[in-house]
Protein backbone atom coordinates (compact mmCIF):
# COMPACT_ATOMS: atom_id res chain seq x y z
CA GLY A 1 17.39 -45.09 -40.15
CA SER A 2 15.87 -45.02 -43.66
CA LEU A 3 18.33 -47.74 -44.82
CA LEU A 4 17.30 -49.92 -41.92
CA LEU A 5 13.65 -49.52 -42.83
CA GLN A 6 14.47 -50.40 -46.42
CA GLY A 7 16.25 -53.59 -45.31
CA LYS A 8 19.66 -52.40 -46.52
CA TYR A 9 21.39 -53.69 -43.42
CA ALA A 10 24.92 -53.96 -44.77
CA GLU A 11 24.94 -50.42 -46.12
CA ALA A 12 23.39 -49.14 -42.87
CA ALA A 13 26.08 -50.98 -40.87
CA GLN A 14 28.82 -49.30 -42.93
CA TYR A 15 27.44 -45.82 -42.24
CA LEU A 16 27.01 -46.58 -38.54
CA GLN A 17 30.58 -47.90 -38.29
CA ARG A 18 31.94 -44.75 -39.97
CA ALA A 19 29.88 -42.60 -37.60
CA LEU A 20 31.20 -44.69 -34.70
CA ASP A 21 34.83 -44.08 -35.72
CA ILE A 22 34.21 -40.33 -36.03
CA ARG A 23 32.55 -40.15 -32.63
CA LYS A 24 35.40 -42.11 -31.06
CA ASP A 25 37.85 -39.59 -32.46
CA LEU A 26 35.72 -36.73 -31.13
CA LYS A 27 35.33 -38.53 -27.79
CA ASP A 28 31.62 -37.71 -27.89
CA SER A 29 30.33 -40.08 -25.21
CA PHE A 30 26.68 -39.18 -25.64
CA ALA A 31 26.77 -39.77 -29.40
CA LEU A 32 28.76 -43.00 -28.87
CA ALA A 33 26.08 -44.39 -26.56
CA ILE A 34 23.41 -43.72 -29.20
CA ASN A 35 25.62 -45.10 -32.00
CA TYR A 36 26.23 -48.36 -30.07
CA SER A 37 22.49 -48.65 -29.45
CA ASP A 38 21.73 -48.15 -33.17
CA LEU A 39 24.31 -50.81 -34.10
CA GLY A 40 22.79 -53.20 -31.57
CA THR A 41 19.33 -52.64 -33.05
CA LEU A 42 20.73 -53.09 -36.57
CA TYR A 43 22.51 -56.36 -35.78
CA ASP A 44 19.36 -57.61 -34.02
CA SER A 45 17.52 -57.03 -37.31
CA MET A 46 20.33 -58.88 -39.09
CA ARG A 47 20.00 -61.73 -36.54
CA ARG A 48 23.63 -61.31 -35.55
CA TYR A 49 22.69 -61.55 -31.92
CA PRO A 50 26.13 -61.78 -30.22
CA GLU A 51 27.29 -58.59 -31.91
CA ALA A 52 23.96 -56.91 -31.16
CA ILE A 53 24.28 -57.84 -27.46
CA ALA A 54 27.87 -56.55 -27.35
CA TYR A 55 26.94 -53.18 -28.85
CA LEU A 56 23.90 -52.84 -26.60
CA ASP A 57 25.98 -53.62 -23.51
CA SER A 58 28.54 -51.00 -24.58
CA SER A 59 25.71 -48.50 -25.03
CA ASN A 60 24.34 -49.33 -21.56
CA THR A 61 27.77 -48.89 -19.97
CA ILE A 62 28.15 -45.37 -21.37
CA ALA A 63 24.47 -44.48 -20.75
CA LEU A 64 24.85 -45.50 -17.11
CA LEU A 65 27.85 -43.19 -16.72
CA LEU A 66 25.97 -40.37 -18.48
CA GLN A 67 22.80 -41.03 -16.41
CA TYR A 68 20.75 -41.54 -19.56
CA PRO A 69 17.99 -43.90 -18.35
CA GLN A 70 15.79 -43.57 -21.43
CA LEU A 71 18.49 -45.08 -23.66
CA ARG A 72 19.16 -47.91 -21.17
CA SER A 73 15.45 -48.72 -21.06
CA HIS A 74 15.37 -48.95 -24.87
CA ASN A 75 18.47 -51.16 -24.91
CA TYR A 76 17.01 -53.54 -22.33
CA ARG A 77 13.85 -53.83 -24.39
CA VAL A 78 15.96 -54.85 -27.43
CA LEU A 79 18.06 -57.26 -25.29
CA SER A 80 14.87 -58.84 -23.95
CA ALA A 81 13.61 -59.33 -27.51
CA ILE A 82 16.96 -60.90 -28.55
CA ALA A 83 16.90 -63.29 -25.57
CA ARG A 84 13.33 -64.30 -26.40
CA LYS A 85 14.33 -65.00 -30.01
CA GLN A 86 17.12 -67.23 -28.64
CA ASN A 87 14.57 -69.01 -26.42
CA ASN A 88 16.38 -67.74 -23.36
CA TYR A 89 13.24 -66.71 -21.55
CA ARG A 90 14.92 -66.25 -18.19
CA ALA A 91 17.29 -63.66 -19.65
CA ALA A 92 14.42 -62.10 -21.60
CA TYR A 93 12.45 -61.74 -18.39
CA ASP A 94 15.43 -60.28 -16.51
CA TYR A 95 16.12 -57.76 -19.29
CA TYR A 96 12.44 -56.85 -19.40
CA ILE A 97 12.32 -56.36 -15.61
CA GLN A 98 15.44 -54.17 -15.69
CA GLY A 99 13.93 -52.03 -18.44
CA ASP A 100 10.64 -51.87 -16.54
CA ILE A 101 12.43 -50.76 -13.37
CA ILE A 102 14.21 -48.04 -15.31
CA ASN A 103 10.90 -46.97 -16.85
CA ASP A 104 9.35 -46.79 -13.39
CA THR A 105 12.32 -44.75 -12.22
CA ILE A 106 11.97 -42.46 -15.21
CA PHE A 107 8.22 -42.20 -14.57
CA ASN A 108 8.79 -41.51 -10.88
CA ASN A 109 11.51 -39.01 -11.64
CA GLU A 110 9.25 -37.29 -14.14
CA LYS A 111 6.44 -37.27 -11.58
CA LEU A 112 8.82 -35.94 -8.95
CA ALA A 113 10.01 -33.32 -11.41
CA GLN A 114 6.40 -32.41 -12.13
CA VAL A 115 5.65 -32.31 -8.41
CA ASP A 116 8.74 -30.18 -7.82
CA GLU A 117 7.72 -27.91 -10.68
CA LEU A 118 4.17 -27.62 -9.34
CA ASN A 119 5.51 -27.01 -5.85
CA ALA A 120 7.90 -24.38 -7.19
CA ARG A 121 5.03 -22.72 -9.04
CA TYR A 122 2.88 -22.93 -5.92
CA GLN A 123 5.63 -21.44 -3.78
CA ALA A 124 6.22 -18.72 -6.38
CA GLU A 125 2.50 -17.92 -6.55
CA LYS A 126 2.29 -18.05 -2.77
CA LYS A 127 5.21 -15.68 -2.47
CA GLU A 128 3.67 -13.45 -5.13
CA GLN A 129 0.38 -13.46 -3.19
CA GLN A 130 2.27 -12.62 -0.01
CA ILE A 131 4.03 -9.77 -1.79
CA LYS A 132 0.70 -8.52 -3.14
CA LEU A 133 -0.85 -8.78 0.34
CA GLN A 134 2.11 -6.93 1.83
CA GLN A 135 1.84 -4.26 -0.85
CA LEU A 136 -1.91 -4.03 -0.22
CA GLU A 137 -1.29 -3.77 3.53
CA ILE A 138 1.33 -1.07 2.93
CA SER A 139 -1.10 0.77 0.64
CA ARG A 140 -3.85 0.52 3.25
CA ARG A 141 -1.46 1.71 5.94
CA ASN A 142 -0.37 4.62 3.76
CA TYR A 143 -3.98 5.53 3.02
CA LEU A 144 -4.75 5.31 6.74
CA ILE A 145 -1.79 7.54 7.58
CA ILE A 146 -2.85 10.02 4.90
CA ALA A 147 -6.44 9.96 6.18
CA ILE A 148 -5.27 10.47 9.78
CA ALA A 149 -2.99 13.31 8.67
CA ILE A 150 -5.86 14.94 6.75
CA VAL A 151 -8.21 14.58 9.74
CA PHE A 152 -5.50 15.92 12.03
CA PHE A 153 -4.82 18.97 9.86
CA MET A 154 -8.55 19.56 9.45
CA ALA A 155 -8.96 19.33 13.24
CA VAL A 156 -6.05 21.73 13.74
CA ALA A 157 -7.50 24.12 11.15
CA LEU A 158 -10.95 23.87 12.74
CA ALA A 159 -9.50 24.43 16.22
CA SER A 160 -7.46 27.37 14.94
CA SER A 161 -10.52 28.85 13.24
CA SER A 162 -12.63 28.33 16.36
CA TYR A 163 -9.93 29.94 18.50
CA ARG A 164 -9.73 32.93 16.16
CA ARG A 165 -13.51 33.29 16.24
CA TYR A 166 -13.40 33.02 20.03
CA LYS A 167 -10.72 35.73 20.22
CA VAL A 168 -12.74 37.96 17.90
CA LYS A 169 -15.85 37.44 20.04
CA GLN A 170 -13.84 38.14 23.20
CA GLN A 171 -12.46 41.31 21.65
CA GLN A 172 -15.94 42.31 20.57
CA ARG A 173 -17.25 41.65 24.07
CA LEU A 174 -14.35 43.59 25.56
CA GLN A 175 -14.99 46.50 23.20
CA GLN A 176 -18.71 46.37 24.00
CA ALA A 177 -17.89 46.31 27.70
CA ILE A 178 -15.53 49.28 27.28
CA ILE A 179 -18.15 51.16 25.27
CA HIS A 180 -20.78 50.35 27.88
CA GLN A 181 -18.50 51.55 30.66
CA GLN A 182 -17.77 54.69 28.68
CA GLN A 183 -21.49 55.20 28.17
CA LEU A 184 -22.10 54.66 31.87
CA ALA A 185 -19.30 57.06 32.75
CA THR A 186 -20.62 59.64 30.30
CA GLN A 187 -24.13 59.20 31.63
CA ALA A 188 -22.84 59.52 35.19
CA VAL A 189 -20.98 62.73 34.30
CA LEU A 190 -24.04 64.11 32.57
CA GLU A 191 -26.24 63.17 35.51
CA ALA A 192 -23.76 64.75 37.93
CA GLU A 193 -23.63 67.91 35.85
CA GLU A 194 -27.44 67.97 35.65
CA ASN A 195 -27.73 67.45 39.39
CA GLU A 196 -25.16 70.13 39.99
CA ARG A 197 -27.06 72.53 37.73
CA GLN A 198 -30.30 71.69 39.49
CA ARG A 199 -28.62 72.17 42.86
CA ILE A 200 -27.13 75.49 41.79
CA GLY A 201 -30.44 76.56 40.28
CA GLN A 202 -32.29 75.54 43.42
CA ASP A 203 -29.74 77.32 45.55
CA LEU A 204 -30.02 80.42 43.38
CA HIS A 205 -33.80 80.23 43.37
CA ASP A 206 -34.13 79.74 47.08
CA GLY A 207 -31.46 82.33 48.02
CA VAL A 208 -32.68 85.09 45.69
CA GLY A 209 -36.30 84.41 46.63
CA GLN A 210 -35.60 84.71 50.30
CA MET A 211 -33.52 87.77 49.69
CA MET A 212 -36.28 89.39 47.61
CA SER A 213 -38.90 88.55 50.22
CA ALA A 214 -36.75 90.15 52.92
CA VAL A 215 -36.23 93.23 50.80
CA LYS A 216 -39.97 93.47 50.15
CA ILE A 217 -40.79 93.17 53.82
CA ASN A 218 -38.17 95.74 54.77
CA LEU A 219 -39.30 98.13 52.04
CA SER A 220 -42.93 97.70 53.12
CA THR A 221 -41.97 98.46 56.67
CA PHE A 222 -39.85 101.39 55.59
CA ARG A 223 -42.70 102.70 53.32
CA ASP A 224 -45.01 103.29 56.26
CA GLY A 225 -42.60 105.82 57.68
CA LEU A 226 -42.06 107.80 54.48
CA LEU A 227 -43.82 110.98 53.41
CA PHE A 228 -44.34 111.18 49.65
CA ALA A 229 -44.77 114.53 47.96
CA ASP A 230 -47.43 113.21 45.66
CA GLU A 231 -48.98 109.96 44.32
CA GLN A 232 -46.63 109.78 41.44
CA GLN A 233 -43.67 109.52 43.83
CA ARG A 234 -45.49 106.80 45.81
CA SER A 235 -46.18 104.85 42.58
CA ARG A 236 -42.54 105.00 41.55
CA TYR A 237 -41.56 103.81 45.04
CA ASP A 238 -43.97 100.89 44.80
CA ASN A 239 -42.64 100.00 41.40
């Protein structure tokens, strides 16, 4: 490349021919296509147009097989320039159009590649968003399940506590009822005993009183028929 810029075409051609032989031995098709293109450009600069066209055609043949459109586009640009220098404007136009078509194809392919890349990125981001949304939904569902479980256990604990308090109150009421019944029974026994004592006392009072009254009457009646020796004897009798 530097030799070509310096105008040392013969020396540059020798190096390119050596490189061409080496690449033929290595069967390096990609490097051969580039080497042919460089030789075509060199011989165009040397105004050896038939040789330049032959090398450029060889480069295009290999580049077509390798699907290397960029190199073919470059070669057609050089071929168009060579045809124009030879006053073959029809061929120059045809070469230019072919290169332009390849450039459009390259541009379209690049745009398609960019579109595919953007679409792939969009799909990847969309899938990532979906995954995040799914993870968020799973997290929300888990939080909801945990909240429901907590509320359920709290409700169970509250119900259990309320039931225990209810049982305690029932037991307290039962004990109070038992104590009240015991108090009523005790009071009834005491009242019965008191009534029985009053009845016995009344019976004793009434019976003894009547008996004493009868004795007094009988003694009074009997006294009228007695003869006492003196007043002292009468007083003792009265007593």
